[in-house]
């Protein structure tokens, strides 16, 4: 009887001890003060950042520096450092993600910026911040890859086809690491509304750049959110503006290879306009839904430039529909700008 009583007392003691431990853990959890970026940090290597406090949506950070910023909106700052010597390495709170992992989730880097990476806050309402890495690509194929971190996981959420900063700010060699990231000139817009707005390469008749590309973040509140391009009703090209404003530009000036008939409006029943062979033309904008390409000619007549349209058979860039028949682009234009 005494042995049974002692056993019951032991069980009761264990139950009480477990209850006390759990209660203590709950008290600690709910009374712990969240990290504030204004708090003093002991590490001499730590680079102070006001990203969380000021809700900046895009910040250039330096490779090899240690930062302490809340990346996932839980009120606790993560300590992280990005390096790219011999491959990408990101260390977050002692957990290291190396090049092999980056290649597995987001592919190989061809010409990365070795001096700078970026901190985005694409949607200021979701709590997450995104780490961005820029790659200039093999042949003018810019790509900024974006990652989110939470609970020891690094997740690739997509990319956009533009560079966050002016190209002159990029560094592709360790020997050229001189410029302070705080001096960078940003080339894209991150309004904080779940979108990234910038430029991207676009192939219609020739390789050109559109200036009003928009990428949108879907499922923003999830770790596995995705950044995806959103098609616009009209794309504004940039090469014609460069040709207009800079006579010494490297950009080729397209010309008509033969006499060409254009539509006077975005309507196949509109009046035909005839342009002679050898006429300089500018490709101004593209309407993807109906595949209309707007062209300006008589471009040397600054006050009296004319506008016409050609229609593509589909969203490809080879088959062209004109008032006098169907043609292939190579038969109509010369001196086009084409990517390698």
Protein backbone atom coordinates (compact mmCIF):
# COMPACT_ATOMS: atom_id res chain seq x y z
CA UNK A 1 0.00 0.00 0.00
CA UNK A 2 2.90 2.34 0.86
CA UNK A 3 4.62 1.49 -2.47
CA UNK A 4 1.40 2.41 -4.41
CA UNK A 5 1.14 5.70 -2.49
CA UNK A 6 4.75 6.59 -3.31
CA UNK A 7 4.10 5.87 -6.99
CA UNK A 8 1.04 8.14 -7.02
CA UNK A 9 3.04 10.92 -5.35
CA UNK A 10 5.78 10.57 -7.99
CA UNK A 11 3.27 10.79 -10.83
CA UNK A 12 1.63 13.87 -9.25
CA UNK A 13 5.06 15.51 -8.86
CA UNK A 14 5.92 14.86 -12.52
CA UNK A 15 2.58 16.30 -13.70
CA UNK A 16 3.10 19.45 -11.61
CA UNK A 17 6.69 19.83 -12.88
CA UNK A 18 5.61 19.52 -16.53
CA UNK A 19 2.84 22.09 -15.96
CA UNK A 20 5.30 24.55 -14.40
CA UNK A 21 7.76 24.16 -17.31
CA UNK A 22 5.03 24.72 -19.91
CA UNK A 23 3.64 27.73 -18.03
CA UNK A 24 7.12 29.27 -17.81
CA UNK A 25 7.68 28.77 -21.57
CA UNK A 26 4.36 30.47 -22.38
CA UNK A 27 5.19 33.43 -20.15
CA UNK A 28 8.58 33.86 -21.83
CA UNK A 29 7.02 33.59 -25.31
CA UNK A 30 4.44 36.30 -24.77
CA UNK A 31 6.59 38.71 -22.77
CA UNK A 32 9.69 38.68 -25.03
CA UNK A 33 10.21 42.11 -26.56
CA UNK A 34 10.44 42.18 -30.36
CA UNK A 35 13.62 43.41 -32.04
CA UNK A 36 13.79 47.08 -32.96
CA UNK A 37 16.40 48.24 -35.42
CA UNK A 38 17.25 51.14 -33.15
CA UNK A 39 18.38 48.70 -30.40
CA UNK A 40 22.11 48.63 -29.73
CA UNK A 41 23.83 45.64 -31.32
CA UNK A 42 27.06 44.29 -29.89
CA UNK A 43 28.56 42.91 -33.13
CA UNK A 44 31.11 45.38 -34.50
CA UNK A 45 30.57 43.94 -38.01
CA UNK A 46 26.84 44.60 -38.02
CA UNK A 47 25.67 47.18 -40.57
CA UNK A 48 22.74 49.14 -39.16
CA UNK A 49 19.73 49.40 -41.47
CA UNK A 50 16.55 51.46 -41.34
CA UNK A 51 14.79 49.25 -43.87
CA UNK A 52 12.13 47.94 -41.47
CA UNK A 53 11.58 51.22 -39.66
CA UNK A 54 11.15 53.42 -42.73
CA UNK A 55 9.42 50.80 -44.88
CA UNK A 56 11.86 51.40 -47.72
CA UNK A 57 10.81 49.13 -50.55
CA UNK A 58 14.21 48.76 -52.24
CA UNK A 59 17.67 49.00 -50.68
CA UNK A 60 21.08 48.15 -52.10
CA UNK A 61 23.20 46.10 -49.66
CA UNK A 62 26.90 45.24 -49.80
CA UNK A 63 28.20 41.70 -50.30
CA UNK A 64 30.16 40.42 -47.30
CA UNK A 65 28.53 42.73 -44.76
CA UNK A 66 26.45 41.43 -41.87
CA UNK A 67 22.90 42.80 -41.58
CA UNK A 68 20.25 42.36 -38.92
CA UNK A 69 16.74 42.86 -40.34
CA UNK A 70 13.38 41.17 -39.84
CA UNK A 71 12.90 39.21 -43.10
CA UNK A 72 9.57 37.50 -42.39
CA UNK A 73 7.50 39.89 -40.29
CA UNK A 74 7.62 37.96 -37.01
CA UNK A 75 9.09 40.90 -35.10
CA UNK A 76 12.46 39.21 -34.63
CA UNK A 77 15.44 40.26 -36.74
CA UNK A 78 17.41 37.71 -38.72
CA UNK A 79 21.19 38.13 -38.90
CA UNK A 80 22.36 37.47 -42.44
CA UNK A 81 25.27 37.90 -44.82
CA UNK A 82 25.47 37.34 -48.61
CA UNK A 83 28.72 36.55 -50.40
CA UNK A 84 29.40 35.55 -53.99
CA UNK A 85 33.09 34.66 -54.12
CA UNK A 86 33.27 31.28 -55.86
CA UNK A 87 29.46 31.06 -55.88
CA UNK A 88 26.49 32.34 -53.94
CA UNK A 89 26.53 31.86 -50.17
CA UNK A 90 23.82 33.22 -47.89
CA UNK A 91 24.09 32.71 -44.13
CA UNK A 92 20.99 33.43 -42.03
CA UNK A 93 21.11 32.95 -38.24
CA UNK A 94 23.95 30.46 -38.61
CA UNK A 95 22.30 28.47 -41.43
CA UNK A 96 24.27 28.55 -44.70
CA UNK A 97 22.78 28.12 -48.16
CA UNK A 98 25.50 27.49 -50.73
CA UNK A 99 25.80 27.69 -54.52
CA UNK A 100 24.53 24.14 -55.12
CA UNK A 101 21.27 24.98 -53.35
CA UNK A 102 20.85 28.24 -55.28
CA UNK A 103 21.41 26.42 -58.58
CA UNK A 104 18.83 23.80 -57.60
CA UNK A 105 16.05 26.30 -56.83
CA UNK A 106 16.79 29.13 -59.27
CA UNK A 107 19.43 28.15 -61.78
CA UNK A 108 22.96 29.15 -62.70
CA UNK A 109 24.36 32.69 -62.61
CA UNK A 110 26.29 33.81 -65.69
CA UNK A 111 27.49 37.37 -64.93
CA UNK A 112 26.47 38.29 -61.38
CA UNK A 113 27.06 41.59 -59.65
CA UNK A 114 29.77 40.67 -57.13
CA UNK A 115 29.50 43.81 -54.99
CA UNK A 116 25.81 44.31 -54.31
CA UNK A 117 22.60 42.48 -53.53
CA UNK A 118 19.19 43.96 -52.78
CA UNK A 119 16.49 43.97 -50.15
CA UNK A 120 12.95 44.37 -51.50
CA UNK A 121 9.65 44.98 -49.76
CA UNK A 122 7.39 44.27 -52.73
CA UNK A 123 4.19 44.20 -50.68
CA UNK A 124 4.44 46.29 -47.52
CA UNK A 125 1.32 44.67 -46.08
CA UNK A 126 2.53 41.05 -46.02
CA UNK A 127 5.41 41.23 -43.54
CA UNK A 128 7.96 39.62 -45.86
CA UNK A 129 11.05 41.15 -47.38
CA UNK A 130 12.73 39.66 -50.42
CA UNK A 131 16.45 39.19 -51.06
CA UNK A 132 17.39 39.98 -54.67
CA UNK A 133 20.43 38.88 -56.68
CA UNK A 134 21.22 40.39 -60.09
CA UNK A 135 22.68 38.50 -63.06
CA UNK A 136 23.55 40.29 -66.32
CA UNK A 137 23.11 37.04 -68.27
CA UNK A 138 25.11 35.64 -71.18
CA UNK A 139 24.12 38.29 -73.76
CA UNK A 140 22.25 41.24 -72.34
CA UNK A 141 19.70 39.02 -70.62
CA UNK A 142 19.27 40.73 -67.25
CA UNK A 143 17.59 38.82 -64.45
CA UNK A 144 16.99 39.68 -60.80
CA UNK A 145 16.15 36.58 -58.75
CA UNK A 146 14.13 36.94 -55.54
CA UNK A 147 14.12 34.83 -52.39
CA UNK A 148 12.18 34.69 -49.12
CA UNK A 149 13.34 33.24 -45.79
CA UNK A 150 11.35 31.73 -42.93
CA UNK A 151 11.80 28.90 -40.42
CA UNK A 152 15.21 27.82 -41.74
CA UNK A 153 13.89 27.72 -45.32
CA UNK A 154 15.04 29.82 -48.29
CA UNK A 155 12.46 29.84 -51.10
CA UNK A 156 12.82 31.17 -54.66
CA UNK A 157 9.72 33.19 -55.59
CA UNK A 158 10.59 34.20 -59.17
CA UNK A 159 12.49 36.88 -61.06
CA UNK A 160 12.07 39.96 -63.20
CA UNK A 161 13.98 40.82 -66.38
CA UNK A 162 15.53 44.11 -65.37
CA UNK A 163 18.38 45.52 -63.29
CA UNK A 164 17.48 47.27 -60.02
CA UNK A 165 20.10 49.98 -60.52
CA UNK A 166 21.68 51.90 -63.39
CA UNK A 167 24.03 49.63 -65.32
CA UNK A 168 26.97 51.90 -64.47
CA UNK A 169 26.51 50.94 -60.79
CA UNK A 170 27.13 47.24 -61.42
CA UNK A 171 30.37 45.48 -60.47
CA UNK A 172 31.40 42.25 -62.20
CA UNK A 173 34.95 42.01 -60.90
CA UNK A 174 36.26 41.76 -57.36
CA UNK A 175 38.93 44.33 -58.28
CA UNK A 176 36.28 46.94 -59.08
CA UNK A 177 34.52 46.95 -55.69
CA UNK A 178 34.68 50.63 -54.89
CA UNK A 179 31.28 52.30 -55.05
CA UNK A 180 29.20 52.70 -51.90
CA UNK A 181 25.82 50.97 -52.34
CA UNK A 182 24.10 53.98 -50.77
CA UNK A 183 25.11 56.04 -53.82
CA UNK A 184 23.33 53.80 -56.31
CA UNK A 185 20.76 55.15 -58.75
CA UNK A 186 17.71 52.87 -58.91
CA UNK A 187 16.35 52.02 -62.35
CA UNK A 188 13.10 50.30 -61.32
CA UNK A 189 10.06 51.17 -59.21
CA UNK A 190 8.89 49.15 -56.20
CA UNK A 191 5.72 50.95 -55.04
CA UNK A 192 5.09 48.51 -52.19
CA UNK A 193 1.73 47.47 -53.67
CA UNK A 194 2.83 43.98 -54.70
CA UNK A 195 4.39 44.98 -58.03
CA UNK A 196 7.79 45.65 -59.54
CA UNK A 197 7.81 48.10 -62.46
CA UNK A 198 10.65 48.47 -64.93
CA UNK A 199 11.88 47.61 -68.41
CA UNK A 200 12.35 44.32 -70.20
CA UNK A 201 13.60 43.04 -73.52
CA UNK A 202 10.81 42.48 -76.02
CA UNK A 203 11.05 40.95 -79.49
CA UNK A 204 8.58 42.23 -82.07
CA UNK A 205 10.04 42.75 -85.57
CA UNK A 206 13.32 43.55 -83.82
CA UNK A 207 14.84 43.17 -80.36
CA UNK A 208 13.86 46.22 -78.33
CA UNK A 209 13.12 47.23 -74.76
CA UNK A 210 9.71 48.13 -73.39
CA UNK A 211 9.65 50.73 -70.63
CA UNK A 212 6.41 49.82 -68.87
CA UNK A 213 6.82 46.19 -67.81
CA UNK A 214 4.99 45.12 -64.63
CA UNK A 215 5.61 42.03 -62.50
CA UNK A 216 3.02 41.19 -59.84
CA UNK A 217 3.38 39.16 -56.66
CA UNK A 218 0.65 36.55 -56.23
CA UNK A 219 -0.21 34.97 -52.87
CA UNK A 220 1.92 37.65 -51.22
CA UNK A 221 1.17 36.51 -47.66
CA UNK A 222 2.67 33.05 -48.30
CA UNK A 223 6.33 32.11 -48.10
CA UNK A 224 5.95 30.50 -51.55
CA UNK A 225 4.55 33.64 -53.23
CA UNK A 226 5.27 33.99 -56.97
CA UNK A 227 6.36 37.03 -58.97
CA UNK A 228 4.88 36.88 -62.47
CA UNK A 229 4.86 39.18 -65.50
CA UNK A 230 1.54 40.90 -66.17
CA UNK A 231 0.77 41.55 -69.83
CA UNK A 232 -0.04 45.18 -70.60
CA UNK A 233 -2.54 46.47 -73.16
CA UNK A 234 0.22 48.48 -74.84
CA UNK A 235 4.01 48.40 -74.62
CA UNK A 236 6.12 51.50 -75.11
CA UNK A 237 9.44 50.86 -76.88
CA UNK A 238 12.64 52.67 -75.93
CA UNK A 239 15.03 52.33 -78.90
CA UNK A 240 13.21 54.93 -81.01
CA UNK A 241 13.51 57.42 -78.17
CA UNK A 242 17.25 56.77 -77.96
CA UNK A 243 17.57 57.25 -81.73
CA UNK A 244 15.63 60.51 -81.47
CA UNK A 245 17.62 61.92 -78.56
CA UNK A 246 21.13 60.59 -79.14
CA UNK A 247 22.58 60.76 -82.68
CA UNK A 248 25.71 58.88 -81.56
CA UNK A 249 23.86 55.90 -80.10
CA UNK A 250 24.99 52.35 -80.80
CA UNK A 251 21.42 51.39 -81.71
CA UNK A 252 20.78 50.56 -85.37
CA UNK A 253 18.38 52.77 -87.33
CA UNK A 254 15.86 50.47 -89.10
CA UNK A 255 14.84 51.22 -92.69
CA UNK A 256 12.30 49.87 -95.15
CA UNK A 257 13.91 47.33 -97.47
CA UNK A 258 11.13 47.66 -100.06
CA UNK A 259 8.10 49.83 -100.65
CA UNK A 260 5.69 49.13 -97.79
CA UNK A 261 2.00 49.69 -97.38
CA UNK A 262 0.86 50.58 -93.85
CA UNK A 263 -2.56 50.86 -92.27
CA UNK A 264 -3.48 54.39 -91.23
CA UNK A 265 -5.21 53.10 -88.08
CA UNK A 266 -5.46 49.93 -85.99
CA UNK A 267 -8.16 48.64 -88.33
CA UNK A 268 -7.67 46.41 -91.37
CA UNK A 269 -10.32 48.46 -93.21
CA UNK A 270 -8.46 51.74 -92.67
CA UNK A 271 -6.80 53.70 -95.46
CA UNK A 272 -3.46 52.43 -96.79
CA UNK A 273 -0.29 54.52 -96.48
CA UNK A 274 2.65 53.88 -98.82
CA UNK A 275 6.27 54.24 -97.66
CA UNK A 276 9.11 54.05 -100.20
CA UNK A 277 12.14 51.75 -99.88
CA UNK A 278 15.00 53.22 -97.85
CA UNK A 279 12.70 55.15 -95.49
CA UNK A 280 13.94 55.41 -91.88
CA UNK A 281 11.33 54.15 -89.43
CA UNK A 282 10.82 54.00 -85.68
CA UNK A 283 8.94 51.19 -83.94
CA UNK A 284 7.08 53.16 -81.28
CA UNK A 285 4.63 50.91 -79.44
CA UNK A 286 2.99 47.49 -79.61
CA UNK A 287 -0.60 46.43 -78.81
CA UNK A 288 -0.25 42.70 -77.95
CA UNK A 289 -3.94 41.87 -77.65
CA UNK A 290 -4.57 42.60 -81.34
CA UNK A 291 -0.93 42.38 -82.50
CA UNK A 292 -0.69 45.92 -83.90
CA UNK A 293 2.71 47.60 -84.18
CA UNK A 294 2.81 51.41 -84.39
CA UNK A 295 5.46 52.88 -86.71
CA UNK A 296 6.62 56.44 -87.24
CA UNK A 297 8.18 57.56 -90.53
CA UNK A 298 9.27 60.84 -92.08
CA UNK A 299 11.23 60.99 -88.86
CA UNK A 300 13.54 63.75 -90.06
CA UNK A 301 10.52 66.06 -90.21
CA UNK A 302 10.44 66.82 -86.51
CA UNK A 303 7.18 68.76 -86.64
CA UNK A 304 5.46 66.51 -89.18
CA UNK A 305 6.31 62.89 -88.46
CA UNK A 306 3.71 60.43 -89.69
CA UNK A 307 2.25 57.35 -88.03
CA UNK A 308 1.09 54.05 -89.52
CA UNK A 309 0.49 50.50 -88.37
CA UNK A 310 1.34 46.95 -89.35
CA UNK A 311 -0.43 43.87 -88.04
CA UNK A 312 1.30 40.68 -87.01
CA UNK A 313 -0.38 37.37 -87.76
CA UNK A 314 -0.02 36.37 -84.12
CA UNK A 315 2.16 37.25 -81.15
CA UNK A 316 5.18 35.91 -82.97
CA UNK A 317 7.32 38.38 -84.87
CA UNK A 318 7.75 36.90 -88.38
CA UNK A 319 4.47 37.01 -90.33
CA UNK A 320 3.29 40.54 -91.13
CA UNK A 321 -0.12 41.51 -92.52
CA UNK A 322 -0.22 44.62 -94.73
CA UNK A 323 -2.97 46.16 -96.89
CA UNK A 324 -1.34 44.68 -100.00
CA UNK A 325 -0.71 41.17 -98.69
CA UNK A 326 1.15 39.01 -96.18
CA UNK A 327 4.93 39.18 -95.78
CA UNK A 328 7.83 38.00 -93.64
CA UNK A 329 9.56 40.73 -91.64
CA UNK A 330 12.97 40.05 -93.18
CA UNK A 331 11.57 41.05 -96.58
CA UNK A 332 10.27 44.39 -95.30
CA UNK A 333 12.95 45.95 -93.09
CA UNK A 334 16.71 46.22 -92.96
CA UNK A 335 19.21 47.30 -90.28
CA UNK A 336 17.12 45.77 -87.49
CA UNK A 337 18.40 45.45 -83.94
CA UNK A 338 18.67 41.75 -83.16
CA UNK A 339 19.94 40.08 -80.00
CA UNK A 340 22.73 37.54 -80.27
